[in-house]
Protein backbone atom coordinates (compact mmCIF):
# COMPACT_ATOMS: atom_id res chain seq x y z
CA MET A 1 0.00 0.00 0.00
CA PRO A 2 1.44 3.42 -0.95
CA GLU A 3 2.63 5.52 1.95
CA ALA A 4 0.67 8.76 2.44
CA MET A 5 2.62 12.00 2.33
CA SER A 6 2.61 14.61 5.07
CA PRO A 7 1.81 18.27 4.32
CA SER A 8 5.50 19.14 4.40
CA GLN A 9 6.22 16.60 1.67
CA VAL A 10 3.53 17.88 -0.67
CA ALA A 11 4.50 20.68 -3.01
CA PRO A 12 1.78 23.00 -4.28
CA ALA A 13 0.24 21.89 -7.58
CA PRO A 14 2.39 23.27 -10.41
CA VAL A 15 0.98 26.31 -12.13
CA ALA A 16 1.39 26.50 -15.90
CA ALA A 17 3.70 29.27 -17.07
CA PRO A 18 1.96 31.85 -19.24
CA VAL A 19 2.47 31.70 -22.96
CA VAL A 20 4.06 35.01 -23.96
CA ALA A 21 4.38 34.29 -27.65
CA LYS A 22 1.68 35.77 -29.84
CA VAL A 23 -0.98 33.26 -30.83
CA GLU A 24 -0.79 32.58 -34.54
CA GLU A 25 -4.14 32.60 -36.30
CA ASN A 26 -4.81 30.47 -39.34
CA LYS A 27 -8.29 31.14 -40.63
CA GLU A 28 -7.94 28.46 -43.30
CA GLU A 29 -7.25 25.79 -40.68
CA LYS A 30 -10.29 23.71 -39.82
CA LYS A 31 -11.62 24.55 -36.36
CA VAL A 32 -11.86 21.73 -33.85
CA LYS A 33 -15.43 21.05 -32.79
CA ARG A 34 -15.75 21.90 -29.11
CA SER A 35 -18.23 20.06 -26.92
CA LEU A 36 -20.96 22.35 -25.59
CA LYS A 37 -21.00 20.26 -22.42
CA LYS A 38 -17.55 21.54 -21.47
CA ASN A 39 -16.23 25.04 -20.87
CA VAL A 40 -13.17 26.65 -22.42
CA LYS A 41 -10.21 26.15 -20.08
CA PRO A 42 -7.42 28.70 -19.57
CA GLN A 43 -4.89 25.85 -19.82
CA GLU A 44 -5.82 25.45 -23.51
CA PHE A 45 -4.37 28.92 -24.08
CA GLY A 46 -1.35 28.67 -21.81
CA GLY A 47 -3.16 29.96 -18.74
CA PRO A 48 -2.86 28.54 -15.22
CA GLY A 49 -5.23 25.95 -13.83
CA ARG A 50 -7.02 27.05 -10.69
CA ALA A 51 -4.97 26.45 -7.55
CA LYS A 52 -6.03 23.48 -5.46
CA SER A 53 -7.46 24.14 -2.01
CA SER A 54 -6.03 22.68 1.17
CA PHE A 55 -8.54 19.84 0.91
CA GLY A 56 -7.57 19.27 -2.73
CA LEU A 57 -3.89 18.97 -1.84
CA PHE A 58 -4.75 16.69 1.08
CA SER A 59 -6.83 14.49 -1.25
CA ASP A 60 -4.02 14.25 -3.80
CA SER A 61 -1.65 12.91 -1.14
CA LYS A 62 -4.13 10.37 0.24
CA ARG A 63 -5.95 9.25 -2.92
CA PRO A 64 -3.59 6.41 -4.01
CA GLU A 65 -3.74 4.94 -0.51
CA VAL A 66 -7.54 5.23 -0.34
CA ILE A 67 -8.10 3.73 -3.80
CA ALA A 68 -5.86 0.76 -3.00
CA GLU A 69 -7.60 0.21 0.34
CA LEU A 70 -11.15 0.42 -1.02
CA ARG A 71 -10.35 -1.69 -4.09
CA ALA A 72 -8.86 -4.44 -1.89
CA ALA A 73 -11.86 -4.32 0.47
CA ALA A 74 -14.31 -4.58 -2.46
CA GLU A 75 -12.46 -7.55 -3.97
CA SER A 76 -12.31 -9.26 -0.59
CA ALA A 77 -16.08 -8.86 -0.18
CA GLY A 78 -16.76 -9.98 -3.75
CA GLU A 79 -18.17 -6.58 -4.64
CA SER A 80 -17.39 -4.15 -7.44
CA PHE A 81 -15.14 -1.20 -6.69
CA LYS A 82 -17.07 2.10 -6.77
CA ILE A 83 -15.00 5.20 -7.44
CA VAL A 84 -17.60 7.42 -5.76
CA ASN A 85 -16.62 5.93 -2.41
CA VAL A 86 -13.15 7.43 -2.74
CA GLY A 87 -14.47 10.97 -2.39
CA LYS A 88 -16.59 9.99 0.60
CA LYS A 89 -13.64 8.37 2.34
CA LEU A 90 -11.38 11.38 1.73
CA GLY A 91 -14.04 13.67 3.18
CA GLU A 92 -14.21 11.55 6.32
CA MET A 93 -10.41 11.57 6.63
CA TRP A 94 -10.29 15.36 6.22
CA LYS A 95 -12.74 15.82 9.05
CA ALA A 96 -10.57 13.64 11.29
CA VAL A 97 -7.24 15.47 10.81
CA THR A 98 -5.86 17.35 13.82
CA PRO A 99 -6.02 21.16 13.93
CA GLU A 100 -2.20 21.29 13.65
CA GLU A 101 -2.14 19.11 10.54
CA LYS A 102 -5.02 21.03 8.98
CA ALA A 103 -3.16 24.29 9.55
CA GLU A 104 -0.21 22.88 7.58
CA TRP A 105 -2.45 21.94 4.67
CA GLU A 106 -4.10 25.34 4.73
CA ALA A 107 -0.67 26.99 4.54
CA LYS A 108 0.09 24.84 1.48
CA GLY A 109 -3.24 25.87 -0.03
CA LYS A 110 -2.47 29.56 0.47
CA GLU A 111 0.95 29.10 -1.09
CA ALA A 112 -0.59 27.45 -4.15
CA LYS A 113 -3.17 30.22 -4.42
CA THR A 114 -0.50 32.93 -4.32
CA ALA A 115 1.48 31.19 -7.07
CA TYR A 116 -1.69 30.89 -9.16
CA GLU A 117 -2.59 34.57 -8.78
CA THR A 118 0.93 35.65 -9.75
CA THR A 119 0.92 33.50 -12.89
CA LEU A 120 -2.62 34.58 -13.76
CA LYS A 121 -1.67 38.25 -13.58
CA ALA A 122 1.23 37.73 -15.98
CA TRP A 123 -0.88 35.62 -18.37
CA LYS A 124 -3.56 38.31 -18.59
CA GLU A 125 -1.00 40.58 -20.28
CA THR A 126 -0.47 38.14 -23.17
CA ASP A 127 -2.08 37.67 -26.57
CA SER A 128 -2.96 34.13 -25.46
CA TYR A 129 -5.29 35.59 -22.83
CA LYS A 130 -7.00 37.74 -25.46
CA ALA A 131 -7.51 34.65 -27.61
CA PHE A 132 -8.92 32.84 -24.58
CA THR A 133 -11.49 35.54 -23.79
CA LYS A 134 -12.59 35.66 -27.43
CA GLU A 135 -13.01 31.88 -27.63
CA GLN A 136 -14.72 31.82 -24.24
CA ALA A 137 -17.27 34.46 -25.25
CA ALA A 138 -18.09 32.69 -28.52
CA HIS A 139 -18.41 29.30 -26.81
CA SER A 140 -20.59 30.72 -24.03
CA LYS A 141 -22.94 32.14 -26.67
CA LYS A 142 -23.25 28.71 -28.30
CA GLN A 143 -23.95 27.09 -24.93
CA LYS A 144 -26.75 29.56 -24.23
CA LYS A 145 -28.15 28.99 -27.72
CA ALA A 146 -28.14 25.22 -27.12
CA LYS A 147 -30.18 25.73 -23.93
CA LEU A 148 -32.69 27.85 -25.84
CA ASP A 149 -32.98 25.11 -28.49
CA ALA A 150 -33.52 22.43 -25.86
CA LYS A 151 -36.21 24.49 -24.17
CA LEU A 152 -37.93 25.12 -27.50
CA LYS A 153 -38.09 21.38 -28.22
CA GLU A 154 -39.61 20.79 -24.79
CA GLU A 155 -42.25 23.39 -25.63
CA GLY A 156 -43.41 21.56 -28.75
CA CYS A 157 -41.04 22.44 -31.59
CA PRO A 158 -41.35 19.80 -34.34
CA LYS A 159 -38.37 17.47 -34.49
CA LYS A 160 -36.43 17.31 -37.73
CA PRO A 161 -36.77 13.87 -39.42
CA LEU A 162 -33.84 11.47 -39.48
CA THR A 163 -31.96 10.92 -42.73
CA ALA A 164 -32.47 7.70 -44.68
CA TYR A 165 -29.08 6.43 -43.57
CA MET A 166 -29.82 7.11 -39.89
CA ILE A 167 -33.12 5.24 -40.12
CA PHE A 168 -31.35 2.27 -41.70
CA SER A 169 -28.61 2.46 -39.08
CA GLY A 170 -31.16 2.36 -36.27
CA LYS A 171 -32.70 -0.79 -37.71
CA VAL A 172 -29.49 -2.80 -38.08
CA THR A 173 -27.31 -1.58 -35.19
CA SER A 174 -28.47 -4.24 -32.68
CA GLU A 175 -27.90 -6.96 -35.25
CA VAL A 176 -24.39 -5.68 -36.06
CA ILE A 177 -23.46 -5.52 -32.36
CA SER A 178 -24.65 -9.11 -31.87
CA GLU A 179 -22.59 -10.31 -34.84
CA LEU A 180 -19.42 -8.57 -33.62
CA THR A 181 -19.92 -9.99 -30.12
CA ALA A 182 -20.47 -13.51 -31.46
CA LYS A 183 -17.19 -13.27 -33.40
CA GLY A 184 -15.36 -12.09 -30.28
CA GLU A 185 -14.48 -8.79 -31.94
CA ALA A 186 -14.40 -5.43 -30.16
CA VAL A 187 -17.65 -3.50 -30.44
CA THR A 188 -16.53 0.07 -31.14
CA MET A 189 -18.18 3.01 -32.84
CA LYS A 190 -15.75 2.63 -35.76
CA SER A 191 -16.29 -1.11 -36.21
CA ARG A 192 -20.07 -0.67 -36.12
CA SER A 193 -20.01 2.28 -38.52
CA ASN A 194 -17.84 0.47 -41.08
CA ILE A 195 -20.21 -2.50 -41.23
CA ILE A 196 -23.38 -0.39 -41.32
CA LYS A 197 -21.95 1.83 -44.06
CA ALA A 198 -21.03 -1.21 -46.17
CA ARG A 199 -24.52 -2.66 -45.73
CA TRP A 200 -26.13 0.63 -46.70
CA GLU A 201 -24.07 0.88 -49.86
CA ALA A 202 -24.95 -2.73 -50.75
CA LEU A 203 -28.68 -2.29 -50.04
CA PRO A 204 -30.85 -3.08 -53.11
CA ALA A 205 -32.19 0.02 -54.86
CA ASP A 206 -35.84 -0.81 -54.16
CA GLU A 207 -35.22 -1.20 -50.41
CA LYS A 208 -33.21 2.00 -50.29
CA LYS A 209 -35.98 3.83 -52.20
CA ALA A 210 -38.57 2.64 -49.70
CA ILE A 211 -36.61 4.30 -46.89
CA THR A 212 -35.92 7.51 -48.84
CA ASP A 213 -39.63 7.78 -49.73
CA GLN A 214 -40.42 7.47 -46.03
CA VAL A 215 -37.98 10.28 -45.28
CA GLU A 216 -39.42 12.57 -47.98
CA ALA A 217 -42.91 12.10 -46.58
CA ALA A 218 -41.63 12.90 -43.09
CA LYS A 219 -39.86 16.02 -44.40
CA THR A 220 -43.05 17.28 -46.02
CA GLN A 221 -44.97 16.82 -42.77
CA TYR A 222 -42.14 18.44 -40.80
CA ASN A 223 -42.10 21.53 -43.04
CA THR A 224 -45.85 21.89 -42.62
CA ASP A 225 -45.67 21.51 -38.84
CA MET A 226 -42.69 23.85 -38.59
CA ALA A 227 -44.42 26.56 -40.62
CA THR A 228 -47.35 26.43 -38.20
CA PHE A 229 -45.08 26.42 -35.15
CA LYS A 230 -43.18 29.49 -36.37
CA GLU A 231 -46.41 31.47 -36.08
CA SER A 232 -46.74 30.63 -32.40
CA GLU A 233 -45.88 32.97 -29.53
CA THR A 234 -43.44 30.34 -28.24
CA TYR A 235 -41.32 30.55 -31.39
CA LYS A 236 -41.51 34.35 -31.51
CA LYS A 237 -40.24 34.47 -27.93
CA TYR A 238 -37.41 32.14 -28.93
CA LEU A 239 -36.40 34.48 -31.77
CA LYS A 240 -36.24 37.40 -29.34
CA GLU A 241 -33.97 35.43 -26.99
CA VAL A 242 -31.63 34.50 -29.84
CA ALA A 243 -31.56 38.15 -30.94
CA LYS A 244 -30.44 39.10 -27.43
CA LEU A 245 -27.50 36.72 -27.72
CA ASN A 246 -26.42 38.42 -30.96
CA LYS A 247 -26.86 41.94 -29.66
CA LYS A 248 -23.55 43.81 -29.64
CA PRO A 249 -22.80 45.60 -26.35
CA SER A 250 -21.99 49.29 -26.45
CA LYS A 251 -18.27 50.15 -26.27
CA LYS A 252 -18.82 51.75 -22.87
CA ALA A 253 -20.57 48.66 -21.50
CA ALA A 254 -18.04 46.30 -23.07
CA GLY A 255 -15.14 48.20 -21.52
CA ALA A 256 -16.65 48.21 -18.05
CA LYS A 257 -18.13 44.73 -17.97
CA LYS A 258 -16.26 42.16 -15.88
CA ARG A 259 -17.16 38.63 -14.95
CA LYS A 260 -15.68 35.40 -13.66
CA GLY A 261 -14.25 33.00 -16.19
CA ASN A 262 -14.57 29.21 -16.36
CA ASP A 263 -11.65 28.58 -14.03
CA GLY A 264 -12.42 31.25 -11.45
CA ALA A 265 -10.36 33.89 -13.23
CA ALA A 266 -11.67 37.42 -13.56
CA VAL A 267 -12.32 38.11 -17.24
CA GLU A 268 -12.74 41.43 -18.99
CA ASP A 269 -14.95 41.03 -22.04
CA GLU A 270 -13.55 42.26 -25.32
CA GLU A 271 -15.78 43.85 -27.91
CA ASP A 272 -18.01 41.14 -29.35
CA ASP A 273 -16.88 40.57 -32.93
CA ASP A 274 -17.78 36.91 -33.33
CA GLU A 275 -20.35 35.63 -35.81
CA ASP A 276 -24.06 35.87 -35.09
CA ILE A 277 -25.86 32.67 -34.14
CA GLU A 278 -28.67 31.56 -36.43
CA ALA A 279 -32.11 31.01 -34.96
CA SER A 280 -32.33 27.34 -35.90
CA PRO A 281 -33.40 24.70 -33.37
CA ASP A 282 -32.36 21.84 -35.68
CA GLU A 283 -28.71 21.52 -34.68
CA GLU A 284 -27.48 18.01 -33.91
CA GLU A 285 -27.36 16.94 -30.29
CA GLU A 286 -24.03 15.86 -28.83
CA GLU A 287 -23.31 12.47 -27.37
CA GLY A 288 -22.30 12.16 -23.73
CA ASP A 289 -18.62 12.22 -22.85
CA GLU A 290 -16.98 9.32 -21.09
CA GLU A 291 -14.60 10.17 -18.29
CA GLY A 292 -11.91 8.05 -16.70
CA GLU A 293 -12.17 6.73 -13.17
CA GLU A 294 -9.48 9.01 -11.83
CA ASP A 295 -11.20 12.11 -13.23
CA GLU A 296 -14.46 11.05 -11.66
CA ALA A 297 -12.70 10.59 -8.35
CA GLU A 298 -11.35 14.12 -8.31
CA GLU A 299 -14.54 15.76 -9.52
CA GLY A 300 -16.62 13.84 -7.00
CA GLU A 301 -14.60 15.06 -4.05
CA GLU A 302 -15.78 18.16 -2.27
CA SER A 303 -14.42 19.58 0.91
CA PRO A 304 -16.72 18.85 3.85
CA GLU A 305 -16.04 22.39 5.01
CA ALA A 306 -16.43 25.69 3.20
CA GLU A 307 -13.06 27.04 2.15
CA ALA A 308 -12.04 30.53 1.21
């Protein structure tokens, strides 16, 4: 079992050095699609990650020990190891530390916070920080638009029909998964897609036409329903909300406006020069993201006490 470290042995979490070189822009380069379920992080632009609290540093030093202990206990009892229990155990351990030991961890936390604030101040003078605030503002607008779209669908907005290929895919996916499993092959998104695509391309013309005819009929009905829905007060309200997102702030307001960024950093908004968002509720929904066990362990841990 790994030996836990004392506060004196734990160095503050390293803070990324600011990127001082000017960010090169290549407008012809294809932009990477960013998940709307995640925020823009300063670290992507050379900024510092938020300093860990005293509890966070304590958890980092104890986590390997706790994971090993809980995993062994679960195996001994014939049960499955649950990562959520790691956070609970760390919280219990934090409550049990002596006042003297807690004071040492709190000193480490303050040291990490000071280092973070120093690095943050230097980073905010760079072109990388300007690029971060611009990307953050544009991404935040898209996130708000996605929420408006989701709300509109809940309020009765007609759903856009699936394509012929997606309908076909939905019909054969279970069969393809069963075949891959029976062969002992890995069932991945790529392996499934390759087989389904090959089957679609090999589908007889008459069968393919039957599906495409079904789609065309659905499209006609959708266009009719959508035209009616666009006359509703619900849709008109939606258009007004989207217009608010695209409204450019006055120079005076833009210069004075300040807010907190994704990682706790104070952000001064630059003048909004990004593209307007179209009022279309038909954008594709994103699939959920899978996270590793260790990430879940850290995110699931919260200090049992309020910290400054």
